[in-house]
Amino acid sequence: MEYNKAHNPGKYLRHILRPGSVRVFNVRKDGPREIFVRVSDQATWVDPSKYSTIIEQVFIDNESQREFFIGIPEVEDPEGKRIVTGPQVLFHVEHSATGTEDEPLNVWRIVHLDKDEDGKIKEVFAKMGASLYLREFNEVYIREDLGKKLNRV
């Protein structure tokens, strides 16, 4: 799922992406590893009604089943246009799969490069962590890729 999400965020992250905003370039493959730049407009953590340009250097390690999304402040696209992150604060994310085939575990770690002085980002993640439901991208994978029915109770 994480590999698919890295390559096709429009499907798995459609609840946070501005439609049509995803651009991928500078793709390099080195055996089981892939590296590319991904730019998209994403709903901000604190106010999901507002979008921010997010630039990520994506590192995929297929052997260890880990993906890293390193937020970068700016990049030049293949046409030479300068793209700048903002207004959301830079962040880095690791997605990985651990566990066994019968008991898989989806790991998500995030680091925000911000002091969060007003505590709003911490509040958003506290609410997210308290949710009884899977993250939406997990549900998309289970429903659409695995063909399984999910019932929220």
N, C-alpha and C. Protein backbone atom coordinates (compact mmCIF):
# COMPACT_ATOMS: atom_id res chain seq x y z
N MET A 1 0.82 -1.19 0.00
CA MET A 1 0.00 0.00 0.00
C MET A 1 0.87 1.25 0.00
N GLU A 2 1.90 1.28 0.83
CA GLU A 2 2.72 2.48 0.92
C GLU A 2 3.44 2.77 -0.39
N TYR A 3 3.90 1.74 -1.06
CA TYR A 3 4.54 1.92 -2.36
C TYR A 3 3.53 2.52 -3.34
N ASN A 4 2.35 1.95 -3.37
CA ASN A 4 1.30 2.44 -4.26
C ASN A 4 0.93 3.88 -3.93
N LYS A 5 0.86 4.20 -2.65
CA LYS A 5 0.49 5.55 -2.22
C LYS A 5 1.57 6.56 -2.62
N ALA A 6 2.82 6.16 -2.53
CA ALA A 6 3.91 7.06 -2.92
C ALA A 6 3.82 7.40 -4.39
N HIS A 7 3.48 6.42 -5.22
CA HIS A 7 3.42 6.62 -6.65
C HIS A 7 2.08 7.16 -7.15
N ASN A 8 1.02 6.96 -6.40
CA ASN A 8 -0.31 7.38 -6.84
C ASN A 8 -1.06 8.06 -5.68
N PRO A 9 -0.53 9.19 -5.20
CA PRO A 9 -1.19 9.85 -4.07
C PRO A 9 -2.60 10.34 -4.40
N GLY A 10 -2.88 10.58 -5.68
CA GLY A 10 -4.21 11.04 -6.06
C GLY A 10 -5.30 10.04 -5.69
N LYS A 11 -4.97 8.77 -5.66
CA LYS A 11 -5.93 7.74 -5.28
C LYS A 11 -6.04 7.62 -3.77
N TYR A 12 -4.91 7.53 -3.09
CA TYR A 12 -4.91 7.22 -1.67
C TYR A 12 -5.04 8.45 -0.77
N LEU A 13 -4.64 9.59 -1.27
CA LEU A 13 -4.68 10.82 -0.46
C LEU A 13 -5.67 11.83 -1.03
N ARG A 14 -6.65 11.35 -1.77
CA ARG A 14 -7.59 12.26 -2.44
C ARG A 14 -8.35 13.15 -1.47
N HIS A 15 -8.46 12.74 -0.23
CA HIS A 15 -9.16 13.54 0.77
C HIS A 15 -8.35 14.75 1.22
N ILE A 16 -7.04 14.79 0.91
CA ILE A 16 -6.23 15.94 1.32
C ILE A 16 -5.56 16.66 0.15
N LEU A 17 -5.62 16.10 -1.06
CA LEU A 17 -4.96 16.70 -2.21
C LEU A 17 -5.90 17.57 -3.03
N ARG A 18 -5.35 18.69 -3.53
CA ARG A 18 -6.10 19.46 -4.51
C ARG A 18 -6.06 18.65 -5.81
N PRO A 19 -7.21 18.34 -6.39
CA PRO A 19 -7.23 17.52 -7.60
C PRO A 19 -6.33 18.10 -8.71
N GLY A 20 -5.55 17.22 -9.32
CA GLY A 20 -4.69 17.61 -10.42
C GLY A 20 -3.40 18.30 -10.03
N SER A 21 -3.12 18.41 -8.74
CA SER A 21 -1.94 19.17 -8.31
C SER A 21 -0.65 18.35 -8.22
N VAL A 22 -0.73 17.04 -8.32
CA VAL A 22 0.46 16.20 -8.11
C VAL A 22 1.37 16.24 -9.34
N ARG A 23 2.66 16.50 -9.08
CA ARG A 23 3.69 16.44 -10.12
C ARG A 23 4.85 15.62 -9.58
N VAL A 24 5.38 14.74 -10.41
CA VAL A 24 6.51 13.89 -10.02
C VAL A 24 7.61 14.07 -11.07
N PHE A 25 8.85 14.25 -10.60
CA PHE A 25 9.96 14.39 -11.53
C PHE A 25 11.27 13.99 -10.86
N ASN A 26 12.35 14.02 -11.63
CA ASN A 26 13.69 13.61 -11.17
C ASN A 26 13.68 12.18 -10.63
N VAL A 27 13.02 11.30 -11.35
CA VAL A 27 12.90 9.90 -10.93
C VAL A 27 14.22 9.17 -11.21
N ARG A 28 14.72 8.48 -10.17
CA ARG A 28 15.93 7.66 -10.30
C ARG A 28 15.67 6.33 -9.62
N LYS A 29 16.15 5.26 -10.25
CA LYS A 29 16.03 3.92 -9.65
C LYS A 29 17.43 3.36 -9.50
N ASP A 30 17.65 2.73 -8.35
CA ASP A 30 18.93 2.09 -8.06
C ASP A 30 18.60 0.74 -7.43
N GLY A 31 18.43 -0.28 -8.25
CA GLY A 31 18.04 -1.59 -7.74
C GLY A 31 16.69 -1.51 -7.06
N PRO A 32 16.63 -1.92 -5.78
CA PRO A 32 15.35 -1.91 -5.07
C PRO A 32 14.97 -0.54 -4.51
N ARG A 33 15.78 0.47 -4.78
CA ARG A 33 15.52 1.81 -4.25
C ARG A 33 15.08 2.76 -5.36
N GLU A 34 14.18 3.65 -5.00
CA GLU A 34 13.71 4.67 -5.93
C GLU A 34 13.76 6.01 -5.23
N ILE A 35 14.07 7.04 -6.00
CA ILE A 35 14.11 8.40 -5.47
C ILE A 35 13.42 9.31 -6.49
N PHE A 36 12.58 10.20 -6.01
CA PHE A 36 11.95 11.18 -6.89
C PHE A 36 11.46 12.36 -6.08
N VAL A 37 11.12 13.42 -6.78
CA VAL A 37 10.53 14.61 -6.16
C VAL A 37 9.04 14.58 -6.44
N ARG A 38 8.27 14.85 -5.41
CA ARG A 38 6.82 14.92 -5.56
C ARG A 38 6.34 16.26 -5.04
N VAL A 39 5.60 16.98 -5.85
CA VAL A 39 5.02 18.27 -5.47
C VAL A 39 3.51 18.14 -5.54
N SER A 40 2.83 18.64 -4.53
CA SER A 40 1.36 18.62 -4.54
C SER A 40 0.83 19.72 -3.65
N ASP A 41 -0.42 20.06 -3.86
CA ASP A 41 -1.12 20.98 -2.97
C ASP A 41 -1.95 20.12 -2.03
N GLN A 42 -1.65 20.26 -0.73
CA GLN A 42 -2.32 19.43 0.28
C GLN A 42 -3.04 20.31 1.29
N ALA A 43 -4.14 19.77 1.81
CA ALA A 43 -4.85 20.46 2.88
C ALA A 43 -3.89 20.61 4.07
N THR A 44 -3.94 21.75 4.72
CA THR A 44 -3.05 21.98 5.85
C THR A 44 -3.54 21.22 7.07
N TRP A 45 -2.61 20.91 7.96
CA TRP A 45 -2.96 20.16 9.18
C TRP A 45 -3.96 20.94 10.01
N VAL A 46 -3.70 22.22 10.23
CA VAL A 46 -4.50 23.01 11.16
C VAL A 46 -5.84 23.45 10.57
N ASP A 47 -5.87 23.75 9.28
CA ASP A 47 -7.10 24.19 8.64
C ASP A 47 -7.25 23.46 7.30
N PRO A 48 -7.92 22.30 7.30
CA PRO A 48 -8.05 21.50 6.08
C PRO A 48 -8.79 22.18 4.93
N SER A 49 -9.40 23.34 5.18
CA SER A 49 -10.06 24.06 4.09
C SER A 49 -9.05 24.88 3.28
N LYS A 50 -7.81 24.98 3.78
CA LYS A 50 -6.75 25.71 3.09
C LYS A 50 -5.70 24.74 2.58
N TYR A 51 -5.13 25.05 1.42
CA TYR A 51 -4.10 24.20 0.82
C TYR A 51 -2.73 24.85 0.92
N SER A 52 -1.72 23.99 0.91
CA SER A 52 -0.33 24.42 0.93
C SER A 52 0.45 23.59 -0.09
N THR A 53 1.40 24.24 -0.76
CA THR A 53 2.28 23.50 -1.66
C THR A 53 3.25 22.70 -0.81
N ILE A 54 3.31 21.41 -1.06
CA ILE A 54 4.19 20.51 -0.32
C ILE A 54 5.18 19.91 -1.32
N ILE A 55 6.47 20.05 -1.03
CA ILE A 55 7.52 19.47 -1.88
C ILE A 55 8.20 18.39 -1.06
N GLU A 56 8.26 17.19 -1.62
CA GLU A 56 8.84 16.06 -0.91
C GLU A 56 9.89 15.37 -1.77
N GLN A 57 11.04 15.11 -1.17
CA GLN A 57 12.02 14.23 -1.78
C GLN A 57 11.63 12.84 -1.29
N VAL A 58 11.22 11.97 -2.19
CA VAL A 58 10.70 10.66 -1.81
C VAL A 58 11.79 9.61 -2.00
N PHE A 59 12.01 8.80 -0.97
CA PHE A 59 12.96 7.70 -1.00
C PHE A 59 12.18 6.42 -0.69
N ILE A 60 12.20 5.49 -1.62
CA ILE A 60 11.51 4.21 -1.43
C ILE A 60 12.55 3.11 -1.37
N ASP A 61 12.50 2.32 -0.30
CA ASP A 61 13.37 1.15 -0.17
C ASP A 61 12.48 -0.07 -0.20
N ASN A 62 12.39 -0.72 -1.35
CA ASN A 62 11.50 -1.86 -1.50
C ASN A 62 11.94 -3.07 -0.68
N GLU A 63 13.23 -3.21 -0.40
CA GLU A 63 13.70 -4.34 0.41
C GLU A 63 13.20 -4.24 1.85
N SER A 64 13.31 -3.06 2.43
CA SER A 64 12.91 -2.90 3.83
C SER A 64 11.45 -2.48 3.98
N GLN A 65 10.75 -2.27 2.87
CA GLN A 65 9.36 -1.82 2.86
C GLN A 65 9.19 -0.52 3.64
N ARG A 66 10.09 0.44 3.33
CA ARG A 66 10.04 1.75 3.99
C ARG A 66 10.06 2.84 2.93
N GLU A 67 9.28 3.88 3.20
CA GLU A 67 9.23 5.06 2.35
C GLU A 67 9.48 6.27 3.22
N PHE A 68 10.31 7.16 2.73
CA PHE A 68 10.61 8.40 3.44
C PHE A 68 10.23 9.57 2.55
N PHE A 69 9.55 10.54 3.13
CA PHE A 69 9.14 11.74 2.43
C PHE A 69 9.79 12.91 3.18
N ILE A 70 10.83 13.46 2.58
CA ILE A 70 11.59 14.52 3.23
C ILE A 70 11.11 15.86 2.65
N GLY A 71 10.51 16.67 3.52
CA GLY A 71 10.02 17.97 3.08
C GLY A 71 11.19 18.88 2.74
N ILE A 72 11.11 19.53 1.59
CA ILE A 72 12.16 20.47 1.20
C ILE A 72 11.53 21.83 0.90
N PRO A 73 12.26 22.91 1.17
CA PRO A 73 11.67 24.24 1.05
C PRO A 73 11.43 24.71 -0.38
N GLU A 74 12.26 24.25 -1.32
CA GLU A 74 12.06 24.67 -2.70
C GLU A 74 12.74 23.69 -3.65
N VAL A 75 12.30 23.75 -4.91
CA VAL A 75 12.86 22.87 -5.94
C VAL A 75 12.65 23.56 -7.30
N GLU A 76 13.48 23.18 -8.24
CA GLU A 76 13.29 23.64 -9.61
C GLU A 76 12.72 22.48 -10.41
N ASP A 77 11.60 22.72 -11.09
CA ASP A 77 10.99 21.65 -11.86
C ASP A 77 11.74 21.45 -13.19
N PRO A 78 11.39 20.43 -13.96
CA PRO A 78 12.12 20.15 -15.20
C PRO A 78 12.10 21.30 -16.22
N GLU A 79 11.12 22.21 -16.12
CA GLU A 79 11.05 23.35 -17.03
C GLU A 79 11.84 24.55 -16.50
N GLY A 80 12.49 24.37 -15.35
CA GLY A 80 13.28 25.46 -14.77
C GLY A 80 12.50 26.40 -13.88
N LYS A 81 11.26 26.08 -13.59
CA LYS A 81 10.43 26.93 -12.73
C LYS A 81 10.72 26.62 -11.26
N ARG A 82 10.92 27.67 -10.47
CA ARG A 82 11.16 27.52 -9.03
C ARG A 82 9.83 27.33 -8.31
N ILE A 83 9.75 26.28 -7.49
CA ILE A 83 8.55 25.98 -6.70
C ILE A 83 8.94 26.10 -5.24
N VAL A 84 8.10 26.75 -4.45
CA VAL A 84 8.40 26.99 -3.04
C VAL A 84 7.32 26.35 -2.17
N THR A 85 7.74 25.69 -1.10
CA THR A 85 6.81 25.11 -0.13
C THR A 85 6.13 26.23 0.64
N GLY A 86 4.88 25.99 1.01
CA GLY A 86 4.24 26.92 1.91
C GLY A 86 2.75 27.00 1.67
N PRO A 87 2.03 27.51 2.62
CA PRO A 87 2.49 28.06 3.89
C PRO A 87 2.67 27.03 5.02
N GLN A 88 2.26 25.78 4.80
CA GLN A 88 2.42 24.78 5.87
C GLN A 88 3.89 24.56 6.18
N VAL A 89 4.17 24.34 7.44
CA VAL A 89 5.53 24.11 7.89
C VAL A 89 6.10 22.84 7.26
N LEU A 90 7.41 22.81 7.04
CA LEU A 90 8.06 21.61 6.52
C LEU A 90 7.88 20.45 7.48
N PHE A 91 7.77 19.25 6.92
CA PHE A 91 7.70 18.04 7.74
C PHE A 91 8.31 16.89 6.98
N HIS A 92 8.76 15.89 7.73
CA HIS A 92 9.32 14.66 7.18
C HIS A 92 8.46 13.50 7.68
N VAL A 93 8.25 12.50 6.81
CA VAL A 93 7.41 11.36 7.18
C VAL A 93 8.10 10.06 6.80
N GLU A 94 7.96 9.06 7.66
CA GLU A 94 8.35 7.70 7.32
C GLU A 94 7.10 6.84 7.34
N HIS A 95 6.89 6.09 6.27
CA HIS A 95 5.83 5.09 6.21
C HIS A 95 6.54 3.75 6.03
N SER A 96 6.09 2.76 6.78
CA SER A 96 6.69 1.44 6.60
C SER A 96 5.69 0.37 6.98
N ALA A 97 6.03 -0.84 6.58
CA ALA A 97 5.21 -2.01 6.91
C ALA A 97 6.09 -2.96 7.70
N THR A 98 5.58 -3.39 8.84
CA THR A 98 6.29 -4.37 9.66
C THR A 98 5.30 -5.46 10.04
N GLY A 99 5.72 -6.33 10.89
CA GLY A 99 4.84 -7.41 11.32
C GLY A 99 4.91 -8.58 10.35
N THR A 100 3.88 -9.40 10.41
CA THR A 100 3.82 -10.59 9.56
C THR A 100 2.68 -10.46 8.57
N GLU A 101 2.59 -11.40 7.66
CA GLU A 101 1.51 -11.41 6.68
C GLU A 101 0.15 -11.50 7.37
N ASP A 102 0.07 -12.27 8.47
CA ASP A 102 -1.18 -12.43 9.20
C ASP A 102 -1.46 -11.28 10.17
N GLU A 103 -0.41 -10.61 10.62
CA GLU A 103 -0.55 -9.50 11.55
C GLU A 103 0.33 -8.34 11.11
N PRO A 104 -0.06 -7.69 10.01
CA PRO A 104 0.75 -6.58 9.51
C PRO A 104 0.58 -5.33 10.37
N LEU A 105 1.59 -4.50 10.34
CA LEU A 105 1.55 -3.25 11.09
C LEU A 105 2.01 -2.13 10.16
N ASN A 106 1.17 -1.14 9.99
CA ASN A 106 1.50 0.03 9.19
C ASN A 106 2.05 1.09 10.14
N VAL A 107 3.29 1.50 9.91
CA VAL A 107 3.96 2.47 10.80
C VAL A 107 4.01 3.82 10.09
N TRP A 108 3.69 4.86 10.84
CA TRP A 108 3.71 6.22 10.31
C TRP A 108 4.38 7.10 11.35
N ARG A 109 5.52 7.67 10.99
CA ARG A 109 6.23 8.59 11.89
C ARG A 109 6.37 9.92 11.18
N ILE A 110 6.20 10.99 11.93
CA ILE A 110 6.28 12.32 11.33
C ILE A 110 7.06 13.26 12.24
N VAL A 111 7.84 14.13 11.62
CA VAL A 111 8.58 15.16 12.34
C VAL A 111 8.22 16.49 11.69
N HIS A 112 7.73 17.43 12.49
CA HIS A 112 7.43 18.77 11.99
C HIS A 112 8.59 19.69 12.34
N LEU A 113 9.03 20.47 11.37
CA LEU A 113 10.15 21.39 11.60
C LEU A 113 9.59 22.74 12.03
N ASP A 114 8.94 22.73 13.18
CA ASP A 114 8.24 23.89 13.70
C ASP A 114 8.17 23.72 15.22
N LYS A 115 8.18 24.80 15.93
CA LYS A 115 8.10 24.71 17.39
C LYS A 115 6.67 24.52 17.88
N ASP A 116 5.68 24.71 17.01
CA ASP A 116 4.27 24.55 17.36
C ASP A 116 3.94 25.30 18.65
N GLU A 117 4.36 26.55 18.68
CA GLU A 117 4.22 27.36 19.89
C GLU A 117 2.79 27.50 20.38
N ASP A 118 1.83 27.49 19.45
CA ASP A 118 0.43 27.61 19.87
C ASP A 118 -0.22 26.25 20.13
N GLY A 119 0.50 25.15 19.85
CA GLY A 119 0.00 23.81 20.14
C GLY A 119 -1.05 23.28 19.16
N LYS A 120 -1.29 23.99 18.07
CA LYS A 120 -2.35 23.58 17.15
C LYS A 120 -2.02 22.30 16.39
N ILE A 121 -0.77 22.13 15.99
CA ILE A 121 -0.40 20.89 15.29
C ILE A 121 -0.50 19.71 16.24
N LYS A 122 -0.03 19.88 17.46
CA LYS A 122 -0.12 18.81 18.46
C LYS A 122 -1.58 18.42 18.69
N GLU A 123 -2.46 19.40 18.72
CA GLU A 123 -3.89 19.15 18.91
C GLU A 123 -4.46 18.33 17.75
N VAL A 124 -4.08 18.68 16.53
CA VAL A 124 -4.56 17.94 15.35
C VAL A 124 -4.14 16.47 15.44
N PHE A 125 -2.88 16.23 15.79
CA PHE A 125 -2.40 14.86 15.84
C PHE A 125 -2.95 14.10 17.04
N ALA A 126 -3.26 14.78 18.11
CA ALA A 126 -3.91 14.12 19.25
C ALA A 126 -5.30 13.62 18.83
N LYS A 127 -6.04 14.44 18.10
CA LYS A 127 -7.36 14.03 17.61
C LYS A 127 -7.23 12.86 16.63
N MET A 128 -6.23 12.94 15.76
CA MET A 128 -6.01 11.88 14.78
C MET A 128 -5.70 10.56 15.51
N GLY A 129 -4.86 10.63 16.52
CA GLY A 129 -4.47 9.44 17.27
C GLY A 129 -5.61 8.86 18.10
N ALA A 130 -6.56 9.70 18.48
CA ALA A 130 -7.69 9.24 19.29
C ALA A 130 -8.81 8.63 18.45
N SER A 131 -8.73 8.79 17.13
CA SER A 131 -9.78 8.27 16.26
C SER A 131 -9.85 6.75 16.35
N LEU A 132 -11.05 6.22 16.33
CA LEU A 132 -11.26 4.78 16.37
C LEU A 132 -11.11 4.15 15.00
N TYR A 133 -10.99 4.96 13.97
CA TYR A 133 -10.99 4.47 12.60
C TYR A 133 -9.59 4.49 11.99
N LEU A 134 -9.43 3.68 10.95
CA LEU A 134 -8.20 3.68 10.18
C LEU A 134 -8.06 5.02 9.46
N ARG A 135 -6.83 5.37 9.11
CA ARG A 135 -6.62 6.54 8.25
C ARG A 135 -7.29 6.26 6.91
N GLU A 136 -7.74 7.29 6.25
CA GLU A 136 -8.50 7.11 5.01
C GLU A 136 -7.72 6.35 3.95
N PHE A 137 -6.40 6.59 3.84
CA PHE A 137 -5.63 5.87 2.82
C PHE A 137 -5.60 4.38 3.10
N ASN A 138 -5.63 3.97 4.37
CA ASN A 138 -5.72 2.54 4.69
C ASN A 138 -7.05 1.97 4.22
N GLU A 139 -8.12 2.73 4.45
CA GLU A 139 -9.43 2.26 4.04
C GLU A 139 -9.55 2.17 2.52
N VAL A 140 -8.97 3.12 1.80
CA VAL A 140 -8.98 3.06 0.33
C VAL A 140 -8.29 1.78 -0.12
N TYR A 141 -7.14 1.49 0.46
CA TYR A 141 -6.39 0.29 0.08
C TYR A 141 -7.21 -0.97 0.35
N ILE A 142 -7.80 -1.07 1.52
CA ILE A 142 -8.56 -2.27 1.89
C ILE A 142 -9.78 -2.43 1.00
N ARG A 143 -10.52 -1.32 0.78
CA ARG A 143 -11.73 -1.40 -0.04
C ARG A 143 -11.43 -1.59 -1.52
N GLU A 144 -10.56 -0.73 -2.06
CA GLU A 144 -10.39 -0.67 -3.51
C GLU A 144 -9.32 -1.62 -4.04
N ASP A 145 -8.26 -1.85 -3.30
CA ASP A 145 -7.19 -2.72 -3.79
C ASP A 145 -7.40 -4.17 -3.36
N LEU A 146 -7.82 -4.37 -2.12
CA LEU A 146 -8.04 -5.72 -1.64
C LEU A 146 -9.46 -6.22 -1.88
N GLY A 147 -10.37 -5.30 -2.20
CA GLY A 147 -11.75 -5.69 -2.48
C GLY A 147 -12.51 -6.14 -1.25
N LYS A 148 -12.12 -5.66 -0.08
CA LYS A 148 -12.79 -6.03 1.15
C LYS A 148 -13.77 -4.95 1.58
N LYS A 149 -14.84 -5.36 2.21
CA LYS A 149 -15.83 -4.42 2.69
C LYS A 149 -15.48 -3.99 4.11
N LEU A 150 -15.59 -2.72 4.37
CA LEU A 150 -15.38 -2.19 5.72
C LEU A 150 -16.69 -1.61 6.21
N ASN A 151 -17.00 -1.88 7.46
CA ASN A 151 -18.19 -1.31 8.08
C ASN A 151 -17.76 -0.52 9.30
N ARG A 152 -18.08 0.75 9.28
CA ARG A 152 -17.81 1.59 10.47
C ARG A 152 -18.97 1.43 11.44
N VAL A 153 -18.66 1.21 12.69
CA VAL A 153 -19.70 1.07 13.70
C VAL A 153 -19.58 2.15 14.73
